[in-house]
C-alpha atoms as a PDB file:
ATOM      1  CA  MET A   1      38.023  13.526-121.979  1.00  0.00           C
ATOM      2  CA  THR A   2      36.588  12.262-125.111  1.00  0.00           C
ATOM      3  CA  LYS A   3      34.989   9.495-126.303  1.00  0.00           C
ATOM      4  CA  GLN A   4      37.826   7.751-128.152  1.00  0.00           C
ATOM      5  CA  PHE A   5      38.517   6.221-125.270  1.00  0.00           C
ATOM      6  CA  HIS A   6      35.459   4.477-124.091  1.00  0.00           C
ATOM      7  CA  ASP A   7      31.864   5.220-125.905  1.00  0.00           C
ATOM      8  CA  HIS A   8      30.234   4.855-122.239  1.00  0.00           C
ATOM      9  CA  VAL A   9      32.811   7.244-120.801  1.00  0.00           C
ATOM     10  CA  LEU A  10      30.797   9.583-117.964  1.00  0.00           C
ATOM     11  CA  SER A  11      29.430  12.943-118.196  1.00  0.00           C
ATOM     12  CA  SER A  12      31.753  15.885-116.938  1.00  0.00           C
ATOM     13  CA  GLU A  13      29.580  16.313-114.200  1.00  0.00           C
ATOM     14  CA  ALA A  14      29.469  12.560-113.312  1.00  0.00           C
ATOM     15  CA  LEU A  15      33.150  12.915-113.229  1.00  0.00           C
ATOM     16  CA  ASP A  16      33.614  16.040-110.930  1.00  0.00           C
ATOM     17  CA  GLN A  17      30.390  14.852-108.750  1.00  0.00           C
ATOM     18  CA  LEU A  18      33.028  11.448-107.940  1.00  0.00           C
ATOM     19  CA  PHE A  19      36.163  13.196-108.182  1.00  0.00           C
ATOM     20  CA  ASN A  20      37.058  16.698-109.517  1.00  0.00           C
ATOM     21  CA  GLU A  21      34.713  18.542-107.310  1.00  0.00           C
ATOM     22  CA  ALA A  22      34.364  16.000-104.270  1.00  0.00           C
ATOM     23  CA  ARG A  23      36.068  16.897-101.456  1.00  0.00           C
ATOM     24  CA  THR A  24      36.845  15.328 -98.173  1.00  0.00           C
ATOM     25  CA  TYR A  25      34.216  17.589 -95.343  1.00  0.00           C
ATOM     26  CA  ASN A  26      34.974  17.703 -91.815  1.00  0.00           C
ATOM     27  CA  GLY A  27      31.513  19.305 -90.655  1.00  0.00           C
ATOM     28  CA  TRP A  28      28.118  18.263 -91.878  1.00  0.00           C
ATOM     29  CA  LEU A  29      24.742  20.027 -92.488  1.00  0.00           C
ATOM     30  CA  ASP A  30      21.461  18.896 -90.265  1.00  0.00           C
ATOM     31  CA  LYS A  31      20.209  16.348 -93.029  1.00  0.00           C
ATOM     32  CA  PRO A  32      19.839  13.037 -91.664  1.00  0.00           C
ATOM     33  CA  VAL A  33      21.543   9.794 -94.247  1.00  0.00           C
ATOM     34  CA  THR A  34      18.785   7.377 -94.095  1.00  0.00           C
ATOM     35  CA  ASP A  35      19.209   3.397 -93.953  1.00  0.00           C
ATOM     36  CA  ALA A  36      17.861   2.901 -97.655  1.00  0.00           C
ATOM     37  CA  GLN A  37      20.433   5.374 -98.612  1.00  0.00           C
ATOM     38  CA  LEU A  38      23.482   3.171 -96.853  1.00  0.00           C
ATOM     39  CA  HIS A  39      21.757  -0.138 -98.467  1.00  0.00           C
ATOM     40  CA  ALA A  40      22.007   1.988-101.854  1.00  0.00           C
ATOM     41  CA  ILE A  41      25.413   2.079-100.595  1.00  0.00           C
ATOM     42  CA  TYR A  42      25.977  -0.900 -99.713  1.00  0.00           C
ATOM     43  CA  ASP A  43      24.433  -2.208-102.908  1.00  0.00           C
ATOM     44  CA  LEU A  44      26.677  -0.045-105.460  1.00  0.00           C
ATOM     45  CA  MET A  45      30.115  -1.289-103.547  1.00  0.00           C
ATOM     46  CA  LYS A  46      29.646  -4.919-102.916  1.00  0.00           C
ATOM     47  CA  MET A  47      29.999  -4.411-107.240  1.00  0.00           C
ATOM     48  CA  ALA A  48      33.069  -3.855-107.136  1.00  0.00           C
ATOM     49  CA  PRO A  49      35.954  -5.961-107.607  1.00  0.00           C
ATOM     50  CA  THR A  50      37.875  -7.978-105.301  1.00  0.00           C
ATOM     51  CA  SER A  51      40.230 -10.547-105.354  1.00  0.00           C
ATOM     52  CA  ALA A  52      38.669 -14.029-105.904  1.00  0.00           C
ATOM     53  CA  ASN A  53      35.096 -11.972-104.974  1.00  0.00           C
ATOM     54  CA  MET A  54      36.287 -12.800-101.470  1.00  0.00           C
ATOM     55  CA  GLN A  55      34.670  -9.153 -99.593  1.00  0.00           C
ATOM     56  CA  PRO A  56      36.395  -9.222 -97.013  1.00  0.00           C
ATOM     57  CA  ALA A  57      34.848  -6.263 -95.925  1.00  0.00           C
ATOM     58  CA  ARG A  58      32.787  -6.024 -92.857  1.00  0.00           C
ATOM     59  CA  ILE A  59      30.976  -2.460 -92.354  1.00  0.00           C
ATOM     60  CA  VAL A  60      29.400  -1.294 -88.638  1.00  0.00           C
ATOM     61  CA  TRP A  61      27.527   1.556 -89.604  1.00  0.00           C
ATOM     62  CA  ALA A  62      27.486   3.965 -86.089  1.00  0.00           C
ATOM     63  CA  LYS A  63      24.490   6.196 -87.145  1.00  0.00           C
ATOM     64  CA  SER A  64      22.902   6.131 -83.400  1.00  0.00           C
ATOM     65  CA  ARG A  65      24.090   9.347 -80.903  1.00  0.00           C
ATOM     66  CA  ALA A  66      24.956   6.505 -78.583  1.00  0.00           C
ATOM     67  CA  ALA A  67      26.986   4.497 -81.509  1.00  0.00           C
ATOM     68  CA  LYS A  68      28.224   7.488 -82.356  1.00  0.00           C
ATOM     69  CA  GLN A  69      29.713   8.368 -78.656  1.00  0.00           C
ATOM     70  CA  LYS A  70      30.713   5.091 -78.128  1.00  0.00           C
ATOM     71  CA  LEU A  71      33.170   5.120 -81.897  1.00  0.00           C
ATOM     72  CA  ALA A  72      33.890   9.057 -80.847  1.00  0.00           C
ATOM     73  CA  ASP A  73      35.541   7.283 -77.407  1.00  0.00           C
ATOM     74  CA  CYS A  74      37.702   5.608 -79.774  1.00  0.00           C
ATOM     75  CA  ALA A  75      38.617   8.815 -81.546  1.00  0.00           C
ATOM     76  CA  SER A  76      41.770  11.163 -81.600  1.00  0.00           C
ATOM     77  CA  GLU A  77      40.618  14.818 -80.426  1.00  0.00           C
ATOM     78  CA  GLY A  78      40.214  16.420 -83.732  1.00  0.00           C
ATOM     79  CA  ASN A  79      37.883  13.929 -85.094  1.00  0.00           C
ATOM     80  CA  LYS A  80      35.636  13.431 -81.484  1.00  0.00           C
ATOM     81  CA  ALA A  81      33.734  16.525 -82.995  1.00  0.00           C
ATOM     82  CA  LYS A  82      33.403  14.949 -86.859  1.00  0.00           C
ATOM     83  CA  ILE A  83      31.675  11.851 -85.607  1.00  0.00           C
ATOM     84  CA  LEU A  84      28.770  13.219 -83.763  1.00  0.00           C
ATOM     85  CA  ALA A  85      28.101  15.706 -86.035  1.00  0.00           C
ATOM     86  CA  ALA A  86      27.764  13.705 -89.052  1.00  0.00           C
ATOM     87  CA  PRO A  87      25.016  11.834 -89.585  1.00  0.00           C
ATOM     88  CA  VAL A  88      26.520   8.109 -89.778  1.00  0.00           C
ATOM     89  CA  THR A  89      30.382   6.847 -89.520  1.00  0.00           C
ATOM     90  CA  ALA A  90      31.265   4.017 -91.343  1.00  0.00           C
ATOM     91  CA  ILE A  91      33.489   1.449 -90.051  1.00  0.00           C
ATOM     92  CA  VAL A  92      35.324  -0.530 -92.308  1.00  0.00           C
ATOM     93  CA  ALA A  93      36.834  -3.516 -91.614  1.00  0.00           C
ATOM     94  CA  TYR A  94      38.220  -6.876 -92.194  1.00  0.00           C
ATOM     95  CA  ASP A  95      37.217 -10.145 -91.795  1.00  0.00           C
ATOM     96  CA  ILE A  96      40.686 -11.749 -91.386  1.00  0.00           C
ATOM     97  CA  ASP A  97      38.549 -15.998 -91.947  1.00  0.00           C
ATOM     98  CA  PHE A  98      36.907 -14.457 -95.124  1.00  0.00           C
ATOM     99  CA  HIS A  99      38.117 -17.730 -96.793  1.00  0.00           C
ATOM    100  CA  GLU A 100      35.323 -19.211 -94.761  1.00  0.00           C
ATOM    101  CA  GLN A 101      32.629 -17.264 -96.953  1.00  0.00           C
ATOM    102  CA  LEU A 102      34.628 -18.569-100.606  1.00  0.00           C
ATOM    103  CA  PRO A 103      32.237 -21.554-101.468  1.00  0.00           C
ATOM    104  CA  TRP A 104      29.481 -19.658-101.947  1.00  0.00           C
ATOM    105  CA  LEU A 105      31.310 -16.254-103.215  1.00  0.00           C
ATOM    106  CA  PHE A 106      33.984 -17.780-105.556  1.00  0.00           C
ATOM    107  CA  PRO A 107      31.907 -20.931-106.514  1.00  0.00           C
ATOM    108  CA  HIS A 108      33.946 -21.654-109.751  1.00  0.00           C
ATOM    109  CA  THR A 109      36.989 -23.818-108.124  1.00  0.00           C
ATOM    110  CA  ASP A 110      37.967 -24.573-104.263  1.00  0.00           C
ATOM    111  CA  ALA A 111      39.024 -21.190-103.660  1.00  0.00           C
ATOM    112  CA  LYS A 112      38.900 -21.519 -99.759  1.00  0.00           C
ATOM    113  CA  SER A 113      41.738 -24.095 -99.905  1.00  0.00           C
ATOM    114  CA  TRP A 114      43.688 -21.132-101.048  1.00  0.00           C
ATOM    115  CA  PHE A 115      43.865 -18.781 -98.147  1.00  0.00           C
ATOM    116  CA  GLU A 116      43.820 -22.058 -95.444  1.00  0.00           C
ATOM    117  CA  GLY A 117      46.638 -22.540 -93.090  1.00  0.00           C
ATOM    118  CA  ASN A 118      47.911 -19.065 -94.046  1.00  0.00           C
ATOM    119  CA  GLU A 119      46.587 -16.544 -92.050  1.00  0.00           C
ATOM    120  CA  GLU A 120      49.067 -14.112 -92.184  1.00  0.00           C
ATOM    121  CA  GLY A 121      48.121 -14.342 -95.859  1.00  0.00           C
ATOM    122  CA  ARG A 122      44.562 -13.672 -95.236  1.00  0.00           C
ATOM    123  CA  LYS A 123      45.000 -11.222 -92.807  1.00  0.00           C
ATOM    124  CA  GLU A 124      47.568  -8.938 -95.813  1.00  0.00           C
ATOM    125  CA  GLY A 125      44.827 -10.292 -98.939  1.00  0.00           C
ATOM    126  CA  ALA A 126      41.567  -8.537 -96.391  1.00  0.00           C
ATOM    127  CA  PHE A 127      43.133  -6.069 -95.027  1.00  0.00           C
ATOM    128  CA  ARG A 128      44.005  -5.249 -98.657  1.00  0.00           C
ATOM    129  CA  ASN A 129      40.404  -5.491-100.358  1.00  0.00           C
ATOM    130  CA  SER A 130      38.849  -4.501 -97.822  1.00  0.00           C
ATOM    131  CA  SER A 131      40.923  -1.013 -98.562  1.00  0.00           C
ATOM    132  CA  LEU A 132      39.181  -1.244-102.178  1.00  0.00           C
ATOM    133  CA  GLN A 133      36.016  -1.797-100.400  1.00  0.00           C
ATOM    134  CA  GLY A 134      36.713   0.912 -98.571  1.00  0.00           C
ATOM    135  CA  ALA A 135      36.961   3.386-101.458  1.00  0.00           C
ATOM    136  CA  TYR A 136      34.658   1.666-103.225  1.00  0.00           C
ATOM    137  CA  LEU A 137      32.126   2.948-100.876  1.00  0.00           C
ATOM    138  CA  ILE A 138      33.652   6.324-100.706  1.00  0.00           C
ATOM    139  CA  LEU A 139      32.614   6.057-104.516  1.00  0.00           C
ATOM    140  CA  ALA A 140      29.096   4.614-103.927  1.00  0.00           C
ATOM    141  CA  ALA A 141      27.982   7.752-101.643  1.00  0.00           C
ATOM    142  CA  ARG A 142      29.194  10.049-103.577  1.00  0.00           C
ATOM    143  CA  ALA A 143      27.152   8.959-106.541  1.00  0.00           C
ATOM    144  CA  LEU A 144      24.222   8.770-104.441  1.00  0.00           C
ATOM    145  CA  GLY A 145      24.295  12.407-104.145  1.00  0.00           C
ATOM    146  CA  LEU A 146      25.993  12.191-100.386  1.00  0.00           C
ATOM    147  CA  ASP A 147      29.838  13.341 -99.097  1.00  0.00           C
ATOM    148  CA  CYS A 148      32.746  11.618 -97.208  1.00  0.00           C
ATOM    149  CA  GLY A 149      34.988  12.083 -94.812  1.00  0.00           C
ATOM    150  CA  PRO A 150      37.612   9.250 -93.868  1.00  0.00           C
ATOM    151  CA  MET A 151      39.849   9.229 -91.153  1.00  0.00           C
ATOM    152  CA  SER A 152      42.270   7.475 -89.240  1.00  0.00           C
ATOM    153  CA  GLY A 153      42.950   9.163 -86.435  1.00  0.00           C
ATOM    154  CA  PHE A 154      41.737   6.841 -83.956  1.00  0.00           C
ATOM    155  CA  SER A 155      42.855   3.583 -81.106  1.00  0.00           C
ATOM    156  CA  PRO A 156      42.335   0.152 -83.066  1.00  0.00           C
ATOM    157  CA  ASP A 157      42.502  -2.012 -80.661  1.00  0.00           C
ATOM    158  CA  ALA A 158      40.020   0.366 -78.942  1.00  0.00           C
ATOM    159  CA  VAL A 159      37.327   0.547 -81.609  1.00  0.00           C
ATOM    160  CA  ASN A 160      37.757  -4.102 -82.104  1.00  0.00           C
ATOM    161  CA  ALA A 161      37.165  -4.553 -78.215  1.00  0.00           C
ATOM    162  CA  ALA A 162      34.212  -1.717 -78.735  1.00  0.00           C
ATOM    163  CA  PHE A 163      32.519  -2.409 -82.136  1.00  0.00           C
ATOM    164  CA  PHE A 164      33.934  -6.159 -82.957  1.00  0.00           C
ATOM    165  CA  GLY A 165      34.754  -8.078 -79.073  1.00  0.00           C
ATOM    166  CA  ASP A 166      31.921 -10.883 -80.030  1.00  0.00           C
ATOM    167  CA  GLU A 167      33.837 -11.364 -83.756  1.00  0.00           C
ATOM    168  CA  PRO A 168      37.680 -11.442 -82.845  1.00  0.00           C
ATOM    169  CA  ARG A 169      38.769 -12.296 -86.344  1.00  0.00           C
ATOM    170  CA  HIS A 170      37.504  -8.463 -87.746  1.00  0.00           C
ATOM    171  CA  ARG A 171      39.628  -5.697 -87.690  1.00  0.00           C
ATOM    172  CA  VAL A 172      39.149  -1.874 -87.987  1.00  0.00           C
ATOM    173  CA  ASN A 173      40.848  -0.476 -91.321  1.00  0.00           C
ATOM    174  CA  PHE A 174      39.845   3.255 -91.385  1.00  0.00           C
ATOM    175  CA  ILE A 175      36.599   4.877 -90.417  1.00  0.00           C
ATOM    176  CA  CYS A 176      34.529   7.288 -93.105  1.00  0.00           C
ATOM    177  CA  SER A 177      31.928  10.309 -92.440  1.00  0.00           C
ATOM    178  CA  ILE A 178      28.949  10.190 -94.443  1.00  0.00           C
ATOM    179  CA  GLY A 179      26.585  13.273 -95.013  1.00  0.00           C
ATOM    180  CA  TYR A 180      26.201  16.455 -96.887  1.00  0.00           C
ATOM    181  CA  GLY A 181      28.812  18.346 -96.102  1.00  0.00           C
ATOM    182  CA  ASP A 182      28.717  21.411 -94.751  1.00  0.00           C
ATOM    183  CA  PRO A 183      31.144  23.961 -97.602  1.00  0.00           C
ATOM    184  CA  ALA A 184      32.306  25.655 -94.830  1.00  0.00           C
ATOM    185  CA  SER A 185      34.303  22.730 -93.407  1.00  0.00           C
ATOM    186  CA  ILE A 186      36.360  22.103 -96.042  1.00  0.00           C
ATOM    187  CA  PHE A 187      39.756  24.027 -96.585  1.00  0.00           C
ATOM    188  CA  ASP A 188      41.613  24.632 -99.777  1.00  0.00           C
ATOM    189  CA  ARG A 189      42.038  22.105-102.599  1.00  0.00           C
ATOM    190  CA  SER A 190      45.511  21.027-101.167  1.00  0.00           C
ATOM    191  CA  PRO A 191      47.942  20.284-104.752  1.00  0.00           C
ATOM    192  CA  ARG A 192      47.444  17.018-107.038  1.00  0.00           C
ATOM    193  CA  PRO A 193      50.734  16.171-108.678  1.00  0.00           C
ATOM    194  CA  ALA A 194      51.026  16.014-112.418  1.00  0.00           C
ATOM    195  CA  PHE A 195      51.416  12.973-114.431  1.00  0.00           C
ATOM    196  CA  ASP A 196      55.057  12.814-114.696  1.00  0.00           C
ATOM    197  CA  LYS A 197      55.838  13.111-110.886  1.00  0.00           C
ATOM    198  CA  PHE A 198      55.140  10.064-109.870  1.00  0.00           C
ATOM    199  CA  ASN A 199      53.895   7.993-112.764  1.00  0.00           C
ATOM    200  CA  ARG A 200      55.966   6.087-115.448  1.00  0.00           C
ATOM    201  CA  ILE A 201      54.874   3.884-118.747  1.00  0.00           C
ATOM    202  CA  LEU A 202      57.312   1.789-119.978  1.00  0.00           C
END
């Protein structure tokens, strides 16, 4: 990539760290992740765009042994060990009633009224935008020198009951372990499609 695209293009090393050389890890080195690092991840991810700045993601960082065990109990057999071994696993959820926060999150207009009385629309918007925020979380963690292991493979009902029982309007989207990845835990990289395979420019 050359400067013809943008005067401030990232270095090839930075692009490798975020994308080209970054991998999804299944195992973790015995190296802790600090609370300060988790704050730093969030402080980056919250700056990325969501519709009307709705910020619907609600994250529980399962870091203690008890929290990791509770989450592992909700996961498939293949994911239990990954969760227990990771320094922390982020439970990325979304708030169906995110619109209640819009008066201060999007003060330019009465955005709250756009979503009142339309719960299905709120669910759709919250899921879409929390998915974006989960992706931002992965990139933020990588930018800060950490590795990620995003996962499905859990019971949403069990996770919601275990972690959001006092917040019944919150729903889990996906989970993502964060730490320093063990290179021995990754597979050879799977194929990636060329542009023309799944893209059209009209």
